Amino acid sequence: MIDPLFTSAFLMGLIGSGHCIAMCGGIASSLQLASDKRKTFTYSLAYNIGRALSYMAAGALVAGISSQFARQNTSFSLALSFIAAIFMLLVGVYIMRLGPTLQWLEKIGKTLVWQHIVKLNKYLMPINSPFKALGYGALWGWLPCGLVYSALTWAMTSPSALDGALVMLCFALGTFPAMITLGITAQKLNSIINHPWTRIVLGSVIIWYGIYLLIIATDKLVH
């Protein structure tokens, strides 16, 4: 039986694909510049696999660390559940564009991590091979993104580094349909996913799920 956490992570990536397009759409779209359409798909796939590998590495890191504390302290594990639920609410509001609920987190990531990693871009340009596309995706997988950081709060609740990596893999797979298609038909898909009503519907789904997680966490606290 598939762990509900993995399914939820996949759905979060799928629902949040509109945000991924806003953050990485220009990069993914640039991969369609190859005249050979087979190369376009190969480069887009390699880029997204690289991105997924970085997500998995981050998931394994945070889950490996947090699981050690959770084994020693049940209160810590419960606190992580509350944090994950709250971030779901913030993601929902962010996707609906009702407020910059996650920009503060992205600013922290930009200051601490991204400004150092982005300097490696020069070693991968121009992207003229699948291996460079893979490396470019792995590099841009560390781009400060509130949606990714929120998924990482889910990974933190995992019992092991492997489970944390799998949570982030499922999240990444959820973004694949939009991101790979983006490299082929960017403008059409972008207009659909970023339509105001689409954002409202998808954001509402995430908010209701966040409320559900809060109810579960509260029930654990009471009992």
Protein backbone atom coordinates (compact mmCIF):
# COMPACT_ATOMS: atom_id res chain seq x y z
CA MET A 1 0.00 0.00 0.00
CA ILE A 2 1.32 3.44 -0.96
CA ASP A 3 1.97 5.76 1.98
CA PRO A 4 -0.63 8.61 1.97
CA LEU A 5 2.24 11.06 2.51
CA PHE A 6 3.75 10.10 -0.86
CA THR A 7 0.39 10.48 -2.60
CA SER A 8 -0.18 13.84 -0.93
CA ALA A 9 3.28 15.05 -1.96
CA PHE A 10 2.57 14.08 -5.58
CA LEU A 11 -0.75 15.93 -5.54
CA MET A 12 0.87 18.98 -3.99
CA GLY A 13 3.39 19.07 -6.82
CA LEU A 14 0.65 18.57 -9.40
CA ILE A 15 -1.60 21.27 -7.96
CA GLY A 16 1.28 23.67 -7.44
CA SER A 17 2.57 23.30 -11.00
CA GLY A 18 1.38 26.79 -11.85
CA HIS A 19 3.84 28.20 -9.37
CA CYS A 20 6.61 26.04 -10.84
CA ILE A 21 5.86 27.53 -14.24
CA ALA A 22 6.13 31.03 -12.80
CA MET A 23 9.46 30.23 -11.11
CA CYS A 24 11.18 28.04 -13.72
CA GLY A 25 9.05 28.52 -16.82
CA GLY A 26 11.57 30.69 -18.63
CA ILE A 27 14.32 28.14 -18.09
CA ALA A 28 12.22 25.18 -19.20
CA SER A 29 10.91 27.08 -22.21
CA SER A 30 14.44 27.88 -23.35
CA LEU A 31 15.09 24.16 -23.75
CA GLN A 32 12.68 24.09 -26.71
CA LEU A 33 15.05 26.19 -28.80
CA ALA A 34 16.61 23.05 -30.26
CA SER A 35 15.44 22.51 -33.83
CA ASP A 36 15.15 18.76 -33.28
CA LYS A 37 11.97 18.07 -31.27
CA ARG A 38 13.44 14.84 -29.94
CA LYS A 39 16.26 16.86 -28.43
CA THR A 40 13.70 19.24 -26.96
CA PHE A 41 12.00 16.42 -25.07
CA THR A 42 15.31 14.84 -24.04
CA TYR A 43 16.67 18.12 -22.69
CA SER A 44 13.43 18.91 -20.86
CA LEU A 45 13.34 15.45 -19.31
CA ALA A 46 17.01 15.61 -18.29
CA TYR A 47 16.51 19.06 -16.76
CA ASN A 48 13.55 17.87 -14.70
CA ILE A 49 15.33 14.69 -13.60
CA GLY A 50 18.20 16.85 -12.38
CA ARG A 51 15.73 19.06 -10.52
CA ALA A 52 14.16 15.97 -8.91
CA LEU A 53 17.56 14.69 -7.79
CA SER A 54 18.25 17.96 -5.97
CA TYR A 55 14.82 17.82 -4.31
CA MET A 56 15.54 14.27 -3.17
CA ALA A 57 18.93 15.25 -1.77
CA ALA A 58 17.33 18.10 0.19
CA GLY A 59 14.54 15.81 1.40
CA ALA A 60 17.00 13.17 2.58
CA LEU A 61 19.03 15.81 4.40
CA VAL A 62 16.18 17.42 6.35
CA ALA A 63 14.45 14.09 7.08
CA GLY A 64 17.68 12.45 8.19
CA ILE A 65 18.32 15.23 10.69
CA SER A 66 14.74 15.68 11.93
CA SER A 67 14.10 11.94 12.34
CA GLN A 68 16.95 11.72 14.83
CA PHE A 69 15.33 14.36 17.03
CA ALA A 70 11.83 12.91 16.54
CA ARG A 71 12.92 9.50 17.85
CA GLN A 72 14.11 11.11 21.05
CA ASN A 73 11.25 13.55 21.54
CA THR A 74 7.60 12.92 20.55
CA SER A 75 6.81 16.61 21.11
CA PHE A 76 9.28 17.47 18.35
CA SER A 77 7.49 15.11 15.96
CA LEU A 78 4.12 16.68 16.82
CA ALA A 79 5.54 20.18 16.28
CA LEU A 80 6.70 19.14 12.81
CA SER A 81 3.17 17.99 11.98
CA PHE A 82 1.78 21.40 12.95
CA ILE A 83 4.47 23.18 10.92
CA ALA A 84 3.72 21.05 7.84
CA ALA A 85 -0.02 21.81 8.14
CA ILE A 86 0.55 25.55 8.56
CA PHE A 87 2.80 25.63 5.51
CA MET A 88 0.04 23.95 3.50
CA LEU A 89 -2.22 26.90 4.35
CA LEU A 90 0.51 29.35 3.36
CA VAL A 91 1.03 27.53 0.06
CA GLY A 92 -2.70 27.69 -0.71
CA VAL A 93 -2.80 31.44 -0.15
CA TYR A 94 0.42 31.83 -2.17
CA ILE A 95 -0.91 29.90 -5.15
CA MET A 96 -4.14 31.93 -5.08
CA ARG A 97 -1.97 35.06 -5.02
CA LEU A 98 -3.90 36.52 -2.13
CA GLY A 99 -0.69 37.45 -0.34
CA PRO A 100 3.11 36.99 -0.40
CA THR A 101 2.95 34.37 2.35
CA LEU A 102 6.15 32.58 1.35
CA GLN A 103 8.32 35.35 -0.06
CA TRP A 104 10.11 35.79 3.26
CA LEU A 105 11.21 32.17 3.09
CA GLU A 106 12.42 32.55 -0.48
CA LYS A 107 14.46 35.62 0.53
CA ILE A 108 16.19 33.59 3.24
CA GLY A 109 16.99 30.81 0.76
CA LYS A 110 18.32 33.33 -1.74
CA THR A 111 20.64 34.86 0.84
CA LEU A 112 21.92 31.66 2.43
CA VAL A 113 22.08 29.27 -0.52
CA TRP A 114 21.17 30.52 -3.98
CA GLN A 115 23.60 33.43 -4.32
CA HIS A 116 26.44 30.93 -4.00
CA ILE A 117 25.03 28.12 -6.16
CA VAL A 118 23.96 30.34 -9.07
CA LYS A 119 27.62 31.14 -9.78
CA LEU A 120 28.01 27.59 -11.14
CA ASN A 121 25.75 28.46 -14.10
CA LYS A 122 28.71 29.47 -16.22
CA TYR A 123 30.07 25.92 -16.23
CA LEU A 124 26.91 24.52 -17.83
CA MET A 125 26.31 27.05 -20.58
CA PRO A 126 25.52 26.60 -23.36
CA ILE A 127 23.22 23.62 -22.75
CA ASN A 128 24.18 21.48 -25.73
CA SER A 129 23.94 17.98 -24.25
CA PRO A 130 21.56 15.98 -22.03
CA PHE A 131 24.26 15.81 -19.35
CA LYS A 132 24.47 19.59 -19.20
CA ALA A 133 20.68 19.78 -19.06
CA LEU A 134 20.73 17.29 -16.18
CA GLY A 135 23.33 19.35 -14.33
CA TYR A 136 21.45 22.56 -15.03
CA GLY A 137 18.28 21.05 -13.58
CA ALA A 138 20.17 19.84 -10.52
CA LEU A 139 21.54 23.35 -10.05
CA TRP A 140 18.20 25.10 -10.46
CA GLY A 141 16.60 22.58 -8.11
CA TRP A 142 18.11 24.73 -5.34
CA LEU A 143 16.35 27.87 -6.57
CA PRO A 144 14.59 29.52 -3.58
CA CYS A 145 10.97 28.39 -3.95
CA GLY A 146 8.30 28.63 -1.27
CA LEU A 147 6.47 25.63 -2.71
CA VAL A 148 9.57 23.42 -2.53
CA TYR A 149 10.38 24.61 0.98
CA SER A 150 6.83 23.77 2.03
CA ALA A 151 7.19 20.28 0.58
CA LEU A 152 10.39 19.95 2.61
CA THR A 153 8.39 20.53 5.80
CA TRP A 154 6.49 17.37 4.83
CA ALA A 155 9.76 15.55 4.23
CA MET A 156 10.85 16.58 7.72
CA THR A 157 8.00 14.53 9.20
CA SER A 158 9.34 11.37 7.50
CA PRO A 159 10.82 8.61 9.69
CA SER A 160 14.07 8.33 7.71
CA ALA A 161 16.29 10.02 5.14
CA LEU A 162 15.11 7.55 2.49
CA ASP A 163 11.45 8.36 3.15
CA GLY A 164 12.26 12.07 3.02
CA ALA A 165 13.90 11.59 -0.38
CA LEU A 166 10.87 9.62 -1.62
CA VAL A 167 8.48 12.37 -0.46
CA MET A 168 10.41 14.91 -2.50
CA LEU A 169 10.59 12.51 -5.46
CA CYS A 170 6.80 12.21 -5.43
CA PHE A 171 6.51 15.99 -5.19
CA ALA A 172 8.86 16.38 -8.16
CA LEU A 173 6.95 13.81 -10.21
CA GLY A 174 3.79 15.82 -9.58
CA THR A 175 5.41 18.82 -11.28
CA PHE A 176 6.71 16.80 -14.23
CA PRO A 177 3.60 16.92 -16.48
CA ALA A 178 3.45 20.71 -16.46
CA MET A 179 7.20 21.31 -16.57
CA ILE A 180 7.97 18.83 -19.35
CA THR A 181 4.98 19.98 -21.39
CA LEU A 182 6.11 23.55 -20.75
CA GLY A 183 9.25 22.91 -22.69
CA ILE A 184 7.11 22.04 -25.71
CA THR A 185 3.95 24.19 -25.51
CA ALA A 186 4.87 26.85 -22.99
CA GLN A 187 2.44 29.70 -23.70
CA LYS A 188 -0.73 27.61 -23.97
CA LEU A 189 -0.18 25.67 -20.74
CA ASN A 190 0.97 28.78 -18.90
CA SER A 191 -2.26 30.62 -19.73
CA ILE A 192 -4.38 27.72 -18.44
CA ILE A 193 -2.60 27.01 -15.16
CA ASN A 194 -2.10 30.68 -14.30
CA HIS A 195 -5.69 31.65 -15.02
CA PRO A 196 -7.18 33.38 -11.91
CA TRP A 197 -9.97 30.83 -11.48
CA THR A 198 -7.53 27.94 -11.86
CA ARG A 199 -5.34 29.40 -9.13
CA ILE A 200 -8.34 29.91 -6.85
CA VAL A 201 -9.58 26.33 -7.26
CA LEU A 202 -6.16 24.73 -6.82
CA GLY A 203 -5.24 27.00 -3.93
CA SER A 204 -8.52 26.17 -2.19
CA VAL A 205 -7.80 22.45 -2.44
CA ILE A 206 -4.44 22.94 -0.73
CA ILE A 207 -5.94 25.16 1.99
CA TRP A 208 -8.64 22.61 2.83
CA TYR A 209 -6.00 19.89 2.98
CA GLY A 210 -3.94 22.06 5.32
CA ILE A 211 -6.96 22.45 7.59
CA TYR A 212 -7.40 18.67 7.53
CA LEU A 213 -3.78 18.19 8.61
CA LEU A 214 -4.23 20.72 11.42
CA ILE A 215 -7.25 18.79 12.68
CA ILE A 216 -5.24 15.54 12.69
CA ALA A 217 -2.31 17.19 14.50
CA THR A 218 -4.66 18.74 17.06
CA ASP A 219 -6.35 15.38 17.66
CA LYS A 220 -2.93 13.81 18.34
CA LEU A 221 -2.14 16.60 20.80
CA VAL A 222 -5.41 16.11 22.68
CA HIS A 223 -5.07 12.34 22.89
